[in-house]
Amino acid sequence: MKPECYDAQVHILGRLTPATTMGISVSVATGLYGVSFGALSVAAGLSLWQTMALSALMFTGGSQYAFIGVIASAGGVGHLANVAGTGMSALGAASLLGVRNGIYGIQNNARLRLHGWRKLLAAHVTIDESTAVASAQLDTSEIKRGFWVAGIGVWLLWNLFTLIGALLGAAMGGSGCLGTRRCCRGGILWVAVAASAQR
């Protein structure tokens, strides 16, 4: 005999459209990666607020990992010999990975046909996940629903888990990365490469 809570979950999920269900699933799965970004960003020497600003404003996982990877390889924010040069390198690496979002934007603009502030908001949440969920739908209303649920859902959860990761990273020693800076740098670079390959 199945528990009542199981029947309630099935009832709730049964009322959601396919695009909504897919968007929520993708949001949860992607958002959880924010924990690693938050922890690695703090380990690279960025502050909590700098880490949160990257997640809220840059909001493109592969680019964020590339950015902190370059910072970490230079010894962290507190050890940069050439702040401007390293900053430009980090921005360049992040921008190269983010170019694909412009291509997604062209596709999504044709699909969604938005205007005004909605178009600006859509540009900010145009990422791999929102584009993929929208692309998987056939019905026009489901395309829009999938895009918004995935885009906003990933943004909310990515930022929430970035905060959790940053707080955990700071509690475990911050830029010292538990006293193993070389291991930390290697880990950040490995995650950056893996993330860019996946996204």
N, C-alpha and C. Protein backbone atom coordinates (compact mmCIF):
# COMPACT_ATOMS: atom_id res chain seq x y z
N MET A 1 0.84 -1.19 0.00
CA MET A 1 0.00 0.00 0.00
C MET A 1 0.88 1.25 0.00
N LYS A 2 0.62 2.18 -0.92
CA LYS A 2 1.44 3.39 -1.04
C LYS A 2 1.01 4.43 -0.02
N PRO A 3 1.98 5.18 0.54
CA PRO A 3 1.64 6.21 1.52
C PRO A 3 0.84 7.34 0.90
N GLU A 4 0.11 8.07 1.76
CA GLU A 4 -0.74 9.16 1.28
C GLU A 4 0.09 10.27 0.62
N CYS A 5 1.29 10.51 1.17
CA CYS A 5 2.12 11.58 0.62
C CYS A 5 2.51 11.27 -0.82
N TYR A 6 2.68 9.98 -1.14
CA TYR A 6 3.03 9.58 -2.50
C TYR A 6 1.88 9.92 -3.43
N ASP A 7 0.64 9.60 -3.03
CA ASP A 7 -0.53 9.90 -3.84
C ASP A 7 -0.68 11.40 -4.05
N ALA A 8 -0.36 12.19 -3.01
CA ALA A 8 -0.45 13.65 -3.12
C ALA A 8 0.56 14.17 -4.12
N GLN A 9 1.78 13.62 -4.10
CA GLN A 9 2.82 14.05 -5.05
C GLN A 9 2.41 13.71 -6.47
N VAL A 10 1.88 12.52 -6.67
CA VAL A 10 1.44 12.11 -8.01
C VAL A 10 0.33 13.02 -8.49
N HIS A 11 -0.60 13.38 -7.57
CA HIS A 11 -1.72 14.24 -7.93
C HIS A 11 -1.22 15.62 -8.35
N ILE A 12 -0.26 16.17 -7.59
CA ILE A 12 0.27 17.50 -7.90
C ILE A 12 1.04 17.47 -9.22
N LEU A 13 1.93 16.49 -9.38
CA LEU A 13 2.70 16.39 -10.62
C LEU A 13 1.82 16.11 -11.82
N GLY A 14 0.74 15.38 -11.60
CA GLY A 14 -0.18 15.08 -12.69
C GLY A 14 -0.88 16.31 -13.22
N ARG A 15 -0.98 17.36 -12.40
CA ARG A 15 -1.65 18.59 -12.81
C ARG A 15 -0.71 19.56 -13.52
N LEU A 16 0.58 19.30 -13.46
CA LEU A 16 1.55 20.16 -14.13
C LEU A 16 1.67 19.78 -15.60
N THR A 17 1.92 20.77 -16.43
CA THR A 17 2.10 20.47 -17.85
C THR A 17 3.49 19.84 -18.05
N PRO A 18 3.71 19.17 -19.18
CA PRO A 18 5.03 18.57 -19.43
C PRO A 18 6.17 19.59 -19.40
N ALA A 19 5.93 20.78 -19.93
CA ALA A 19 6.98 21.80 -19.95
C ALA A 19 7.32 22.26 -18.53
N THR A 20 6.30 22.39 -17.69
CA THR A 20 6.52 22.80 -16.31
C THR A 20 7.29 21.74 -15.54
N THR A 21 6.88 20.49 -15.71
CA THR A 21 7.57 19.38 -15.04
C THR A 21 9.03 19.32 -15.47
N MET A 22 9.27 19.42 -16.77
CA MET A 22 10.64 19.39 -17.27
C MET A 22 11.44 20.58 -16.76
N GLY A 23 10.82 21.75 -16.77
CA GLY A 23 11.50 22.97 -16.31
C GLY A 23 11.89 22.89 -14.85
N ILE A 24 11.01 22.35 -14.02
CA ILE A 24 11.31 22.20 -12.59
C ILE A 24 12.43 21.20 -12.38
N SER A 25 12.37 20.08 -13.08
CA SER A 25 13.41 19.06 -12.95
C SER A 25 14.78 19.59 -13.35
N VAL A 26 14.83 20.29 -14.46
CA VAL A 26 16.08 20.86 -14.94
C VAL A 26 16.59 21.93 -13.97
N SER A 27 15.68 22.72 -13.42
CA SER A 27 16.06 23.78 -12.48
C SER A 27 16.71 23.20 -11.23
N VAL A 28 16.11 22.16 -10.69
CA VAL A 28 16.66 21.54 -9.48
C VAL A 28 18.03 20.92 -9.77
N ALA A 29 18.11 20.16 -10.86
CA ALA A 29 19.36 19.48 -11.20
C ALA A 29 20.49 20.47 -11.45
N THR A 30 20.19 21.56 -12.16
CA THR A 30 21.21 22.55 -12.49
C THR A 30 21.54 23.43 -11.29
N GLY A 31 20.51 23.81 -10.56
CA GLY A 31 20.72 24.69 -9.41
C GLY A 31 21.66 24.12 -8.38
N LEU A 32 21.63 22.81 -8.20
CA LEU A 32 22.49 22.16 -7.21
C LEU A 32 23.98 22.38 -7.50
N TYR A 33 24.34 22.56 -8.77
CA TYR A 33 25.74 22.81 -9.11
C TYR A 33 26.23 24.14 -8.55
N GLY A 34 25.30 25.01 -8.19
CA GLY A 34 25.68 26.29 -7.61
C GLY A 34 26.49 26.14 -6.33
N VAL A 35 26.28 25.03 -5.60
CA VAL A 35 27.05 24.78 -4.37
C VAL A 35 28.54 24.74 -4.70
N SER A 36 28.90 24.01 -5.75
CA SER A 36 30.32 23.90 -6.09
C SER A 36 30.86 25.24 -6.56
N PHE A 37 30.06 25.98 -7.33
CA PHE A 37 30.55 27.28 -7.78
C PHE A 37 30.79 28.21 -6.59
N GLY A 38 29.84 28.27 -5.67
CA GLY A 38 29.99 29.15 -4.51
C GLY A 38 31.23 28.83 -3.71
N ALA A 39 31.45 27.54 -3.45
CA ALA A 39 32.61 27.12 -2.65
C ALA A 39 33.92 27.40 -3.38
N LEU A 40 33.96 27.11 -4.68
CA LEU A 40 35.18 27.32 -5.45
C LEU A 40 35.49 28.80 -5.65
N SER A 41 34.45 29.61 -5.77
CA SER A 41 34.65 31.05 -5.93
C SER A 41 35.28 31.66 -4.69
N VAL A 42 34.78 31.26 -3.52
CA VAL A 42 35.35 31.74 -2.26
C VAL A 42 36.79 31.22 -2.11
N ALA A 43 37.02 29.98 -2.53
CA ALA A 43 38.36 29.41 -2.45
C ALA A 43 39.34 30.16 -3.36
N ALA A 44 38.82 30.73 -4.46
CA ALA A 44 39.66 31.50 -5.38
C ALA A 44 39.97 32.89 -4.84
N GLY A 45 39.32 33.26 -3.74
CA GLY A 45 39.60 34.55 -3.11
C GLY A 45 38.53 35.59 -3.28
N LEU A 46 37.43 35.28 -3.98
CA LEU A 46 36.36 36.25 -4.12
C LEU A 46 35.55 36.31 -2.83
N SER A 47 34.98 37.46 -2.55
CA SER A 47 34.15 37.61 -1.35
C SER A 47 32.77 37.01 -1.60
N LEU A 48 32.00 36.91 -0.56
CA LEU A 48 30.62 36.40 -0.69
C LEU A 48 29.84 37.25 -1.68
N TRP A 49 29.96 38.59 -1.56
CA TRP A 49 29.18 39.48 -2.42
C TRP A 49 29.66 39.44 -3.87
N GLN A 50 30.96 39.30 -4.07
CA GLN A 50 31.47 39.16 -5.44
C GLN A 50 30.98 37.86 -6.07
N THR A 51 30.98 36.80 -5.27
CA THR A 51 30.49 35.50 -5.74
C THR A 51 29.02 35.58 -6.11
N MET A 52 28.22 36.21 -5.25
CA MET A 52 26.79 36.33 -5.51
C MET A 52 26.52 37.21 -6.72
N ALA A 53 27.33 38.27 -6.89
CA ALA A 53 27.15 39.15 -8.05
C ALA A 53 27.43 38.40 -9.35
N LEU A 54 28.45 37.54 -9.34
CA LEU A 54 28.74 36.74 -10.54
C LEU A 54 27.56 35.85 -10.88
N SER A 55 26.98 35.20 -9.87
CA SER A 55 25.87 34.28 -10.14
C SER A 55 24.61 35.02 -10.56
N ALA A 56 24.35 36.15 -9.94
CA ALA A 56 23.12 36.89 -10.23
C ALA A 56 23.19 37.64 -11.56
N LEU A 57 24.36 38.21 -11.86
CA LEU A 57 24.48 39.09 -13.03
C LEU A 57 25.08 38.39 -14.25
N MET A 58 26.16 37.64 -14.07
CA MET A 58 26.74 36.92 -15.20
C MET A 58 25.83 35.75 -15.58
N PHE A 59 25.45 34.96 -14.61
CA PHE A 59 24.48 33.87 -14.74
C PHE A 59 24.67 33.02 -15.99
N THR A 60 25.82 32.42 -16.09
CA THR A 60 26.06 31.41 -17.12
C THR A 60 27.18 30.52 -16.59
N GLY A 61 26.80 29.37 -16.11
CA GLY A 61 27.68 28.50 -15.33
C GLY A 61 29.08 28.29 -15.87
N GLY A 62 29.19 27.88 -17.14
CA GLY A 62 30.50 27.63 -17.72
C GLY A 62 31.38 28.86 -17.68
N SER A 63 30.81 30.02 -17.98
CA SER A 63 31.57 31.27 -17.96
C SER A 63 32.01 31.63 -16.55
N GLN A 64 31.15 31.36 -15.59
CA GLN A 64 31.50 31.66 -14.20
C GLN A 64 32.66 30.79 -13.72
N TYR A 65 32.60 29.50 -14.06
CA TYR A 65 33.69 28.60 -13.68
C TYR A 65 35.00 29.03 -14.36
N ALA A 66 34.92 29.44 -15.63
CA ALA A 66 36.12 29.88 -16.35
C ALA A 66 36.69 31.13 -15.69
N PHE A 67 35.83 32.04 -15.29
CA PHE A 67 36.25 33.29 -14.66
C PHE A 67 37.03 33.02 -13.37
N ILE A 68 36.45 32.21 -12.49
CA ILE A 68 37.14 31.94 -11.23
C ILE A 68 38.35 31.03 -11.43
N GLY A 69 38.32 30.23 -12.50
CA GLY A 69 39.48 29.39 -12.81
C GLY A 69 40.70 30.23 -13.14
N VAL A 70 40.50 31.28 -13.93
CA VAL A 70 41.60 32.18 -14.27
C VAL A 70 42.09 32.91 -13.03
N ILE A 71 41.15 33.39 -12.22
CA ILE A 71 41.52 34.09 -10.97
C ILE A 71 42.33 33.16 -10.07
N ALA A 72 41.87 31.92 -9.91
CA ALA A 72 42.56 30.97 -9.03
C ALA A 72 43.93 30.61 -9.56
N SER A 73 44.06 30.48 -10.88
CA SER A 73 45.36 30.10 -11.44
C SER A 73 46.39 31.20 -11.26
N ALA A 74 45.91 32.43 -11.04
CA ALA A 74 46.83 33.55 -10.79
C ALA A 74 47.17 33.68 -9.31
N GLY A 75 46.63 32.79 -8.50
CA GLY A 75 46.94 32.81 -7.07
C GLY A 75 45.83 33.39 -6.21
N GLY A 76 44.68 33.66 -6.81
CA GLY A 76 43.57 34.21 -6.04
C GLY A 76 43.57 35.72 -6.09
N VAL A 77 42.46 36.31 -5.68
CA VAL A 77 42.28 37.75 -5.75
C VAL A 77 43.33 38.49 -4.94
N GLY A 78 43.68 37.98 -3.77
CA GLY A 78 44.63 38.65 -2.90
C GLY A 78 46.08 38.53 -3.35
N HIS A 79 46.36 37.71 -4.36
CA HIS A 79 47.74 37.47 -4.78
C HIS A 79 48.00 37.87 -6.23
N LEU A 80 47.12 38.67 -6.80
CA LEU A 80 47.27 39.01 -8.21
C LEU A 80 48.39 40.03 -8.40
N ALA A 81 49.38 39.66 -9.19
CA ALA A 81 50.47 40.60 -9.47
C ALA A 81 50.00 41.66 -10.45
N ASN A 82 49.16 41.28 -11.38
CA ASN A 82 48.67 42.20 -12.39
C ASN A 82 47.15 42.10 -12.41
N VAL A 83 46.52 42.88 -11.55
CA VAL A 83 45.07 42.78 -11.38
C VAL A 83 44.34 43.04 -12.68
N ALA A 84 44.72 44.09 -13.40
CA ALA A 84 44.02 44.44 -14.64
C ALA A 84 44.19 43.34 -15.69
N GLY A 85 45.42 42.84 -15.84
CA GLY A 85 45.67 41.80 -16.84
C GLY A 85 44.93 40.52 -16.54
N THR A 86 44.96 40.10 -15.27
CA THR A 86 44.26 38.87 -14.89
C THR A 86 42.76 39.05 -15.00
N GLY A 87 42.27 40.23 -14.62
CA GLY A 87 40.84 40.51 -14.73
C GLY A 87 40.36 40.45 -16.17
N MET A 88 41.18 41.01 -17.09
CA MET A 88 40.81 40.97 -18.50
C MET A 88 40.86 39.54 -19.05
N SER A 89 41.84 38.77 -18.59
CA SER A 89 41.92 37.36 -19.01
C SER A 89 40.70 36.58 -18.54
N ALA A 90 40.32 36.81 -17.29
CA ALA A 90 39.15 36.13 -16.73
C ALA A 90 37.89 36.53 -17.48
N LEU A 91 37.76 37.82 -17.77
CA LEU A 91 36.58 38.30 -18.50
C LEU A 91 36.56 37.75 -19.92
N GLY A 92 37.74 37.68 -20.56
CA GLY A 92 37.82 37.14 -21.92
C GLY A 92 37.42 35.68 -21.98
N ALA A 93 37.93 34.88 -21.04
CA ALA A 93 37.58 33.46 -21.00
C ALA A 93 36.08 33.27 -20.79
N ALA A 94 35.52 34.05 -19.87
CA ALA A 94 34.09 33.96 -19.57
C ALA A 94 33.25 34.38 -20.78
N SER A 95 33.70 35.44 -21.46
CA SER A 95 32.94 35.94 -22.62
C SER A 95 32.93 34.94 -23.77
N LEU A 96 34.06 34.30 -24.01
CA LEU A 96 34.11 33.31 -25.10
C LEU A 96 33.11 32.18 -24.87
N LEU A 97 33.00 31.73 -23.62
CA LEU A 97 32.05 30.67 -23.33
C LEU A 97 30.61 31.17 -23.37
N GLY A 98 30.42 32.47 -23.13
CA GLY A 98 29.07 33.03 -23.10
C GLY A 98 28.52 33.40 -24.46
N VAL A 99 29.34 33.37 -25.51
CA VAL A 99 28.90 33.76 -26.85
C VAL A 99 27.70 32.94 -27.31
N ARG A 100 27.68 31.67 -26.93
CA ARG A 100 26.60 30.79 -27.39
C ARG A 100 25.23 31.30 -26.95
N ASN A 101 25.18 32.03 -25.82
CA ASN A 101 23.89 32.54 -25.36
C ASN A 101 23.31 33.56 -26.33
N GLY A 102 24.18 34.27 -27.05
CA GLY A 102 23.69 35.19 -28.08
C GLY A 102 23.00 34.45 -29.21
N ILE A 103 23.54 33.28 -29.57
CA ILE A 103 22.91 32.47 -30.60
C ILE A 103 21.56 31.94 -30.11
N TYR A 104 21.54 31.50 -28.84
CA TYR A 104 20.27 31.06 -28.25
C TYR A 104 19.25 32.20 -28.26
N GLY A 105 19.75 33.41 -28.00
CA GLY A 105 18.86 34.57 -27.96
C GLY A 105 18.14 34.80 -29.27
N ILE A 106 18.85 34.61 -30.38
CA ILE A 106 18.22 34.77 -31.70
C ILE A 106 17.11 33.75 -31.88
N GLN A 107 17.39 32.50 -31.49
CA GLN A 107 16.38 31.44 -31.60
C GLN A 107 15.17 31.74 -30.72
N ASN A 108 15.45 32.11 -29.47
CA ASN A 108 14.37 32.34 -28.52
C ASN A 108 13.55 33.58 -28.87
N ASN A 109 14.19 34.58 -29.46
CA ASN A 109 13.47 35.78 -29.86
C ASN A 109 12.41 35.44 -30.89
N ALA A 110 12.76 34.56 -31.82
CA ALA A 110 11.80 34.14 -32.85
C ALA A 110 10.67 33.31 -32.25
N ARG A 111 11.00 32.48 -31.25
CA ARG A 111 10.00 31.61 -30.63
C ARG A 111 9.05 32.38 -29.71
N LEU A 112 9.62 33.23 -28.87
CA LEU A 112 8.84 33.84 -27.79
C LEU A 112 8.14 35.14 -28.21
N ARG A 113 8.74 35.89 -29.12
CA ARG A 113 8.16 37.15 -29.61
C ARG A 113 7.76 38.07 -28.46
N LEU A 114 8.73 38.43 -27.65
CA LEU A 114 8.48 39.27 -26.48
C LEU A 114 8.83 40.72 -26.78
N HIS A 115 8.32 41.61 -25.93
CA HIS A 115 8.58 43.05 -26.08
C HIS A 115 8.81 43.67 -24.70
N GLY A 116 9.45 44.82 -24.70
CA GLY A 116 9.63 45.59 -23.47
C GLY A 116 10.47 44.87 -22.43
N TRP A 117 10.05 45.01 -21.17
CA TRP A 117 10.82 44.46 -20.05
C TRP A 117 10.88 42.93 -20.09
N ARG A 118 9.86 42.29 -20.66
CA ARG A 118 9.88 40.83 -20.76
C ARG A 118 11.03 40.37 -21.67
N LYS A 119 11.31 41.13 -22.70
CA LYS A 119 12.40 40.79 -23.60
C LYS A 119 13.74 40.91 -22.88
N LEU A 120 13.89 41.93 -22.04
CA LEU A 120 15.12 42.10 -21.26
C LEU A 120 15.30 40.97 -20.26
N LEU A 121 14.20 40.61 -19.59
CA LEU A 121 14.26 39.51 -18.63
C LEU A 121 14.59 38.20 -19.33
N ALA A 122 13.98 37.98 -20.49
CA ALA A 122 14.24 36.76 -21.26
C ALA A 122 15.71 36.69 -21.67
N ALA A 123 16.30 37.83 -22.02
CA ALA A 123 17.71 37.84 -22.41
C ALA A 123 18.59 37.38 -21.24
N HIS A 124 18.21 37.78 -20.03
CA HIS A 124 19.03 37.42 -18.87
C HIS A 124 18.93 35.93 -18.52
N VAL A 125 17.78 35.33 -18.77
CA VAL A 125 17.61 33.91 -18.42
C VAL A 125 17.72 33.00 -19.66
N THR A 126 18.29 33.53 -20.73
CA THR A 126 18.56 32.72 -21.92
C THR A 126 19.86 31.97 -21.69
N ILE A 127 19.73 30.71 -21.33
CA ILE A 127 20.87 29.84 -21.04
C ILE A 127 20.62 28.49 -21.71
N ASP A 128 21.57 27.59 -21.58
CA ASP A 128 21.42 26.27 -22.19
C ASP A 128 20.11 25.61 -21.77
N GLU A 129 19.84 25.65 -20.46
CA GLU A 129 18.71 24.90 -19.90
C GLU A 129 17.36 25.46 -20.35
N SER A 130 17.18 26.78 -20.30
CA SER A 130 15.89 27.35 -20.70
C SER A 130 15.66 27.14 -22.20
N THR A 131 16.72 27.23 -22.98
CA THR A 131 16.61 27.01 -24.43
C THR A 131 16.29 25.55 -24.73
N ALA A 132 16.93 24.64 -24.01
CA ALA A 132 16.70 23.21 -24.24
C ALA A 132 15.27 22.81 -23.89
N VAL A 133 14.78 23.29 -22.76
CA VAL A 133 13.40 22.95 -22.35
C VAL A 133 12.40 23.53 -23.35
N ALA A 134 12.62 24.76 -23.78
CA ALA A 134 11.72 25.37 -24.77
C ALA A 134 11.77 24.61 -26.09
N SER A 135 12.96 24.21 -26.50
CA SER A 135 13.13 23.50 -27.77
C SER A 135 12.46 22.13 -27.78
N ALA A 136 12.30 21.55 -26.60
CA ALA A 136 11.71 20.21 -26.51
C ALA A 136 10.19 20.22 -26.60
N GLN A 137 9.59 21.42 -26.63
CA GLN A 137 8.13 21.52 -26.66
C GLN A 137 7.63 21.75 -28.08
N LEU A 138 6.39 21.34 -28.33
CA LEU A 138 5.79 21.51 -29.65
C LEU A 138 4.76 22.63 -29.66
N ASP A 139 3.98 22.71 -28.60
CA ASP A 139 2.92 23.71 -28.50
C ASP A 139 3.51 25.08 -28.15
N THR A 140 2.99 26.14 -28.74
CA THR A 140 3.53 27.49 -28.51
C THR A 140 3.46 27.89 -27.05
N SER A 141 2.34 27.62 -26.39
CA SER A 141 2.21 27.99 -24.98
C SER A 141 3.17 27.19 -24.11
N GLU A 142 3.40 25.93 -24.49
CA GLU A 142 4.34 25.10 -23.74
C GLU A 142 5.79 25.54 -23.96
N ILE A 143 6.09 26.02 -25.15
CA ILE A 143 7.43 26.55 -25.42
C ILE A 143 7.71 27.71 -24.48
N LYS A 144 6.77 28.63 -24.38
CA LYS A 144 6.94 29.80 -23.50
C LYS A 144 7.00 29.37 -22.05
N ARG A 145 6.11 28.47 -21.65
CA ARG A 145 6.07 28.01 -20.26
C ARG A 145 7.39 27.31 -19.89
N GLY A 146 7.86 26.44 -20.76
CA GLY A 146 9.11 25.74 -20.49
C GLY A 146 10.29 26.68 -20.37
N PHE A 147 10.35 27.67 -21.25
CA PHE A 147 11.44 28.64 -21.20
C PHE A 147 11.44 29.39 -19.87
N TRP A 148 10.29 29.91 -19.47
CA TRP A 148 10.22 30.71 -18.26
C TRP A 148 10.43 29.89 -17.00
N VAL A 149 9.84 28.71 -16.93
CA VAL A 149 9.99 27.87 -15.74
C VAL A 149 11.46 27.47 -15.57
N ALA A 150 12.09 27.04 -16.65
CA ALA A 150 13.50 26.64 -16.57
C ALA A 150 14.40 27.84 -16.32
N GLY A 151 14.19 28.92 -17.05
CA GLY A 151 15.06 30.09 -16.92
C GLY A 151 15.01 30.70 -15.53
N ILE A 152 13.81 30.99 -15.06
CA ILE A 152 13.67 31.61 -13.73
C ILE A 152 13.99 30.61 -12.63
N GLY A 153 13.57 29.36 -12.83
CA GLY A 153 13.85 28.32 -11.84
C GLY A 153 15.34 28.10 -11.64
N VAL A 154 16.09 28.01 -12.74
CA VAL A 154 17.54 27.83 -12.63
C VAL A 154 18.16 29.05 -11.97
N TRP A 155 17.74 30.25 -12.35
CA TRP A 155 18.30 31.47 -11.75
C TRP A 155 18.10 31.49 -10.24
N LEU A 156 16.90 31.19 -9.80
CA LEU A 156 16.61 31.20 -8.37
C LEU A 156 17.42 30.15 -7.61
N LEU A 157 17.41 28.92 -8.11
CA LEU A 157 18.11 27.84 -7.41
C LEU A 157 19.63 27.95 -7.54
N TRP A 158 20.12 28.40 -8.68
CA TRP A 158 21.56 28.58 -8.86
C TRP A 158 22.07 29.61 -7.85
N ASN A 159 21.34 30.69 -7.68
CA ASN A 159 21.77 31.72 -6.73
C ASN A 159 21.63 31.26 -5.28
N LEU A 160 20.57 30.53 -4.98
CA LEU A 160 20.39 30.00 -3.63
C LEU A 160 21.54 29.06 -3.27
N PHE A 161 21.85 28.12 -4.17
CA PHE A 161 22.90 27.15 -3.88
C PHE A 161 24.30 27.76 -3.99
N THR A 162 24.44 28.82 -4.77
CA THR A 162 25.71 29.55 -4.77
C THR A 162 25.96 30.14 -3.39
N LEU A 163 24.92 30.72 -2.81
CA LEU A 163 25.03 31.29 -1.46
C LEU A 163 25.41 30.22 -0.45
N ILE A 164 24.73 29.08 -0.51
CA ILE A 164 25.03 27.97 0.42
C ILE A 164 26.48 27.51 0.24
N GLY A 165 26.90 27.34 -1.01
CA GLY A 165 28.27 26.91 -1.29
C GLY A 165 29.30 27.91 -0.81
N ALA A 166 29.02 29.20 -1.02
CA ALA A 166 29.96 30.24 -0.60
C ALA A 166 30.08 30.27 0.92
N LEU A 167 28.96 30.12 1.61
CA LEU A 167 28.99 30.11 3.08
C LEU A 167 29.74 28.88 3.60
N LEU A 168 29.50 27.73 2.98
CA LEU A 168 30.23 26.52 3.36
C LEU A 168 31.72 26.65 3.07
N GLY A 169 32.04 27.22 1.90
CA GLY A 169 33.44 27.41 1.53
C GLY A 169 34.15 28.34 2.50
N ALA A 170 33.47 29.41 2.89
CA ALA A 170 34.07 30.34 3.86
C ALA A 170 34.25 29.67 5.21
N ALA A 171 33.29 28.84 5.60
CA ALA A 171 33.38 28.15 6.90
C ALA A 171 34.52 27.13 6.92
N MET A 172 34.86 26.60 5.73
CA MET A 172 35.92 25.59 5.66
C MET A 172 37.30 26.20 5.42
N GLY A 173 37.39 27.49 5.43
CA GLY A 173 38.71 28.10 5.32
C GLY A 173 38.88 29.08 4.19
N GLY A 174 37.83 29.32 3.39
CA GLY A 174 37.89 30.35 2.36
C GLY A 174 39.01 30.14 1.38
N SER A 175 39.81 31.19 1.17
CA SER A 175 40.83 31.16 0.13
C SER A 175 41.95 30.18 0.43
N GLY A 176 42.06 29.72 1.66
CA GLY A 176 43.07 28.72 1.97
C GLY A 176 42.72 27.36 1.43
N CYS A 177 41.45 27.15 1.12
CA CYS A 177 40.97 25.87 0.56
C CYS A 177 41.52 24.71 1.38
N LEU A 178 41.32 24.77 2.70
CA LEU A 178 41.76 23.73 3.63
C LEU A 178 43.27 23.52 3.57
N GLY A 179 44.01 24.61 3.24
CA GLY A 179 45.46 24.54 3.25
C GLY A 179 46.07 23.87 2.04
N THR A 180 45.28 23.61 1.04
CA THR A 180 45.82 22.93 -0.16
C THR A 180 45.48 23.76 -1.39
N ARG A 181 46.14 24.91 -1.51
CA ARG A 181 45.84 25.84 -2.59
C ARG A 181 46.06 25.23 -3.98
N ARG A 182 47.14 24.46 -4.12
CA ARG A 182 47.41 23.85 -5.43
C ARG A 182 46.30 22.89 -5.82
N CYS A 183 45.87 22.10 -4.87
CA CYS A 183 44.77 21.16 -5.13
C CYS A 183 43.52 21.92 -5.51
N CYS A 184 43.28 23.03 -4.81
CA CYS A 184 42.10 23.85 -5.07
C CYS A 184 42.12 24.43 -6.48
N ARG A 185 43.29 24.98 -6.87
CA ARG A 185 43.41 25.54 -8.22
C ARG A 185 43.15 24.47 -9.28
N GLY A 186 43.76 23.31 -9.07
CA GLY A 186 43.55 22.22 -10.02
C GLY A 186 42.10 21.81 -10.08
N GLY A 187 41.44 21.77 -8.94
CA GLY A 187 40.02 21.41 -8.88
C GLY A 187 39.16 22.42 -9.62
N ILE A 188 39.46 23.70 -9.44
CA ILE A 188 38.68 24.74 -10.12
C ILE A 188 38.86 24.64 -11.63
N LEU A 189 40.10 24.47 -12.07
CA LEU A 189 40.34 24.36 -13.50
C LEU A 189 39.68 23.11 -14.10
N TRP A 190 39.72 22.01 -13.35
CA TRP A 190 39.08 20.78 -13.82
C TRP A 190 37.58 20.99 -13.95
N VAL A 191 36.95 21.61 -12.94
CA VAL A 191 35.51 21.87 -12.98
C VAL A 191 35.17 22.81 -14.12
N ALA A 192 36.02 23.84 -14.35
CA ALA A 192 35.77 24.77 -15.45
C ALA A 192 35.78 24.06 -16.79
N VAL A 193 36.75 23.20 -17.01
CA VAL A 193 36.84 22.46 -18.27
C VAL A 193 35.65 21.52 -18.42
N ALA A 194 35.31 20.81 -17.34
CA ALA A 194 34.18 19.87 -17.39
C ALA A 194 32.87 20.60 -17.64
N ALA A 195 32.68 21.75 -16.98
CA ALA A 195 31.45 22.51 -17.13
C ALA A 195 31.32 23.05 -18.55
N SER A 196 32.41 23.56 -19.12
CA SER A 196 32.34 24.10 -20.47
C SER A 196 32.10 22.99 -21.49
N ALA A 197 32.61 21.81 -21.22
CA ALA A 197 32.40 20.68 -22.13
C ALA A 197 30.93 20.25 -22.12
N GLN A 198 30.30 20.28 -20.93
CA GLN A 198 28.91 19.86 -20.79
C GLN A 198 27.96 20.92 -21.34
N ARG A 199 28.28 22.21 -21.08
CA ARG A 199 27.36 23.28 -21.44
C ARG A 199 27.72 23.82 -22.79
